[in-house]
Amino acid sequence: MTVRVLTTTAAGLGLGVGWGIAARVWMRLITTEPEFSWTGTAFIIGLTGVCGLALGFLYGVRGNGSTDQRWTRS
């Protein structure tokens, strides 16, 4: 695995978690009864983190430019 793939995967994870935190803060601001559970908060942040991780990995593999076509389409 190249440094580019690791870097984009880590960036995807960070951006996904950041997006999840921003979404949870936004939900807290727009609700009339701000009573959220820690389990729900962890689920939202975890789900967006995993999605960001996957997208970052795929972006890094796609942009790798290797001749191995197992992971990419031509």
N, C-alpha and C. Protein backbone atom coordinates (compact mmCIF):
# COMPACT_ATOMS: atom_id res chain seq x y z
N MET A 1 0.84 -1.16 0.00
CA MET A 1 0.00 0.00 0.00
C MET A 1 0.89 1.23 0.00
N THR A 2 0.55 2.19 -0.80
CA THR A 2 1.40 3.36 -0.91
C THR A 2 1.03 4.40 0.15
N VAL A 3 1.89 5.38 0.26
CA VAL A 3 1.67 6.46 1.21
C VAL A 3 0.43 7.26 0.81
N ARG A 4 0.21 7.41 -0.49
CA ARG A 4 -0.96 8.17 -0.96
C ARG A 4 -2.26 7.51 -0.49
N VAL A 5 -2.34 6.20 -0.59
CA VAL A 5 -3.55 5.49 -0.17
C VAL A 5 -3.75 5.64 1.33
N LEU A 6 -2.68 5.51 2.10
CA LEU A 6 -2.80 5.66 3.55
C LEU A 6 -3.20 7.09 3.93
N THR A 7 -2.64 8.06 3.23
CA THR A 7 -2.95 9.46 3.51
C THR A 7 -4.40 9.78 3.19
N THR A 8 -4.87 9.36 2.02
CA THR A 8 -6.25 9.65 1.65
C THR A 8 -7.24 8.88 2.53
N THR A 9 -6.86 7.68 2.97
CA THR A 9 -7.72 6.92 3.87
C THR A 9 -7.85 7.63 5.22
N ALA A 10 -6.73 8.09 5.75
CA ALA A 10 -6.76 8.82 7.03
C ALA A 10 -7.53 10.14 6.89
N ALA A 11 -7.33 10.84 5.78
CA ALA A 11 -8.06 12.08 5.55
C ALA A 11 -9.55 11.82 5.42
N GLY A 12 -9.91 10.75 4.74
CA GLY A 12 -11.32 10.39 4.61
C GLY A 12 -11.95 10.09 5.96
N LEU A 13 -11.23 9.37 6.80
CA LEU A 13 -11.73 9.09 8.14
C LEU A 13 -11.93 10.38 8.94
N GLY A 14 -10.94 11.25 8.90
CA GLY A 14 -11.04 12.52 9.63
C GLY A 14 -12.18 13.39 9.13
N LEU A 15 -12.34 13.47 7.81
CA LEU A 15 -13.41 14.28 7.25
C LEU A 15 -14.78 13.66 7.53
N GLY A 16 -14.85 12.34 7.51
CA GLY A 16 -16.11 11.67 7.83
C GLY A 16 -16.53 11.90 9.27
N VAL A 17 -15.59 11.78 10.19
CA VAL A 17 -15.89 12.03 11.60
C VAL A 17 -16.27 13.50 11.80
N GLY A 18 -15.56 14.39 11.14
CA GLY A 18 -15.90 15.82 11.23
C GLY A 18 -17.30 16.12 10.72
N TRP A 19 -17.66 15.46 9.63
CA TRP A 19 -18.99 15.65 9.07
C TRP A 19 -20.05 15.11 10.04
N GLY A 20 -19.78 13.97 10.66
CA GLY A 20 -20.71 13.41 11.63
C GLY A 20 -20.89 14.31 12.84
N ILE A 21 -19.81 14.89 13.32
CA ILE A 21 -19.90 15.82 14.46
C ILE A 21 -20.70 17.05 14.07
N ALA A 22 -20.43 17.59 12.88
CA ALA A 22 -21.18 18.76 12.41
C ALA A 22 -22.67 18.43 12.25
N ALA A 23 -22.97 17.25 11.76
CA ALA A 23 -24.38 16.85 11.60
C ALA A 23 -25.05 16.74 12.96
N ARG A 24 -24.36 16.18 13.94
CA ARG A 24 -24.95 16.02 15.27
C ARG A 24 -25.14 17.38 15.95
N VAL A 25 -24.21 18.30 15.77
CA VAL A 25 -24.37 19.65 16.32
C VAL A 25 -25.55 20.34 15.66
N TRP A 26 -25.66 20.21 14.34
CA TRP A 26 -26.77 20.82 13.62
C TRP A 26 -28.12 20.26 14.11
N MET A 27 -28.18 18.93 14.32
CA MET A 27 -29.41 18.32 14.83
C MET A 27 -29.76 18.87 16.21
N ARG A 28 -28.75 19.08 16.99
CA ARG A 28 -28.95 19.63 18.34
C ARG A 28 -29.49 21.05 18.30
N LEU A 29 -29.03 21.84 17.32
CA LEU A 29 -29.45 23.23 17.23
C LEU A 29 -30.87 23.39 16.69
N ILE A 30 -31.31 22.52 15.81
CA ILE A 30 -32.62 22.72 15.19
C ILE A 30 -33.77 22.05 15.93
N THR A 31 -33.48 21.21 16.90
CA THR A 31 -34.55 20.50 17.59
C THR A 31 -35.16 21.36 18.69
N THR A 32 -36.44 21.08 18.99
CA THR A 32 -37.10 21.79 20.09
C THR A 32 -36.87 21.09 21.42
N GLU A 33 -36.57 19.78 21.37
CA GLU A 33 -36.28 19.01 22.58
C GLU A 33 -34.93 18.33 22.44
N PRO A 34 -33.86 19.02 22.82
CA PRO A 34 -32.50 18.47 22.59
C PRO A 34 -32.11 17.37 23.58
N GLU A 35 -32.71 16.20 23.43
CA GLU A 35 -32.38 15.06 24.28
C GLU A 35 -31.88 13.93 23.40
N PHE A 36 -30.56 13.80 23.28
CA PHE A 36 -29.97 12.77 22.45
C PHE A 36 -29.21 11.78 23.32
N SER A 37 -29.14 10.55 22.86
CA SER A 37 -28.39 9.54 23.60
C SER A 37 -26.95 9.49 23.11
N TRP A 38 -26.06 9.04 23.98
CA TRP A 38 -24.66 8.87 23.59
C TRP A 38 -24.52 7.75 22.58
N THR A 39 -25.40 6.75 22.66
CA THR A 39 -25.36 5.64 21.71
C THR A 39 -25.67 6.13 20.30
N GLY A 40 -26.71 6.95 20.18
CA GLY A 40 -27.07 7.50 18.87
C GLY A 40 -25.98 8.40 18.32
N THR A 41 -25.39 9.20 19.19
CA THR A 41 -24.31 10.08 18.75
C THR A 41 -23.12 9.28 18.27
N ALA A 42 -22.75 8.24 19.02
CA ALA A 42 -21.62 7.39 18.61
C ALA A 42 -21.93 6.68 17.30
N PHE A 43 -23.17 6.25 17.11
CA PHE A 43 -23.55 5.58 15.87
C PHE A 43 -23.42 6.51 14.67
N ILE A 44 -23.91 7.73 14.79
CA ILE A 44 -23.83 8.68 13.68
C ILE A 44 -22.39 9.02 13.36
N ILE A 45 -21.59 9.30 14.37
CA ILE A 45 -20.18 9.64 14.14
C ILE A 45 -19.41 8.44 13.60
N GLY A 46 -19.70 7.25 14.12
CA GLY A 46 -19.04 6.04 13.65
C GLY A 46 -19.41 5.72 12.20
N LEU A 47 -20.69 5.85 11.87
CA LEU A 47 -21.14 5.56 10.51
C LEU A 47 -20.53 6.52 9.49
N THR A 48 -20.52 7.80 9.80
CA THR A 48 -19.92 8.76 8.87
C THR A 48 -18.40 8.57 8.80
N GLY A 49 -17.80 8.15 9.91
CA GLY A 49 -16.36 7.87 9.89
C GLY A 49 -16.02 6.69 9.00
N VAL A 50 -16.81 5.62 9.08
CA VAL A 50 -16.57 4.44 8.24
C VAL A 50 -16.81 4.78 6.77
N CYS A 51 -17.85 5.54 6.48
CA CYS A 51 -18.10 5.95 5.09
C CYS A 51 -16.95 6.82 4.57
N GLY A 52 -16.48 7.75 5.37
CA GLY A 52 -15.34 8.58 4.97
C GLY A 52 -14.08 7.76 4.78
N LEU A 53 -13.86 6.77 5.65
CA LEU A 53 -12.72 5.88 5.53
C LEU A 53 -12.76 5.12 4.20
N ALA A 54 -13.92 4.57 3.88
CA ALA A 54 -14.06 3.81 2.63
C ALA A 54 -13.87 4.71 1.41
N LEU A 55 -14.47 5.89 1.44
CA LEU A 55 -14.33 6.80 0.30
C LEU A 55 -12.89 7.29 0.15
N GLY A 56 -12.22 7.56 1.26
CA GLY A 56 -10.82 7.97 1.20
C GLY A 56 -9.94 6.88 0.64
N PHE A 57 -10.19 5.64 1.06
CA PHE A 57 -9.43 4.51 0.54
C PHE A 57 -9.64 4.35 -0.96
N LEU A 58 -10.89 4.39 -1.39
CA LEU A 58 -11.18 4.23 -2.82
C LEU A 58 -10.61 5.37 -3.65
N TYR A 59 -10.64 6.58 -3.10
CA TYR A 59 -10.05 7.72 -3.81
C TYR A 59 -8.54 7.53 -3.96
N GLY A 60 -7.90 7.06 -2.90
CA GLY A 60 -6.45 6.84 -2.96
C GLY A 60 -6.08 5.73 -3.92
N VAL A 61 -6.84 4.65 -3.93
CA VAL A 61 -6.56 3.54 -4.85
C VAL A 61 -6.82 3.96 -6.29
N ARG A 62 -7.88 4.68 -6.51
CA ARG A 62 -8.23 5.12 -7.87
C ARG A 62 -7.16 6.07 -8.41
N GLY A 63 -6.66 6.95 -7.59
CA GLY A 63 -5.67 7.91 -8.04
C GLY A 63 -4.24 7.40 -7.97
N ASN A 64 -4.06 6.15 -7.60
CA ASN A 64 -2.72 5.59 -7.44
C ASN A 64 -2.00 5.47 -8.77
N GLY A 65 -2.72 5.17 -9.83
CA GLY A 65 -2.11 5.08 -11.15
C GLY A 65 -1.33 3.81 -11.38
N SER A 66 -1.56 2.79 -10.57
CA SER A 66 -0.83 1.55 -10.75
C SER A 66 -1.38 0.78 -11.95
N THR A 67 -0.61 -0.15 -12.43
CA THR A 67 -1.05 -0.95 -13.56
C THR A 67 -1.91 -2.13 -13.15
N ASP A 68 -2.01 -2.37 -11.85
CA ASP A 68 -2.85 -3.45 -11.35
C ASP A 68 -4.30 -3.03 -11.46
N GLN A 69 -5.06 -3.67 -12.31
CA GLN A 69 -6.45 -3.27 -12.57
C GLN A 69 -7.46 -3.99 -11.66
N ARG A 70 -6.97 -4.68 -10.65
CA ARG A 70 -7.89 -5.34 -9.74
C ARG A 70 -8.77 -4.36 -9.00
N TRP A 71 -8.23 -3.23 -8.60
CA TRP A 71 -8.97 -2.27 -7.79
C TRP A 71 -9.58 -1.15 -8.58
N THR A 72 -9.13 -0.95 -9.80
CA THR A 72 -9.62 0.20 -10.56
C THR A 72 -10.23 -0.24 -11.88
N ARG A 73 -10.97 0.65 -12.44
CA ARG A 73 -11.52 0.42 -13.78
C ARG A 73 -10.73 1.27 -14.77
N SER A 74 -10.63 0.79 -15.99
CA SER A 74 -9.92 1.58 -16.98
C SER A 74 -10.88 2.40 -17.81
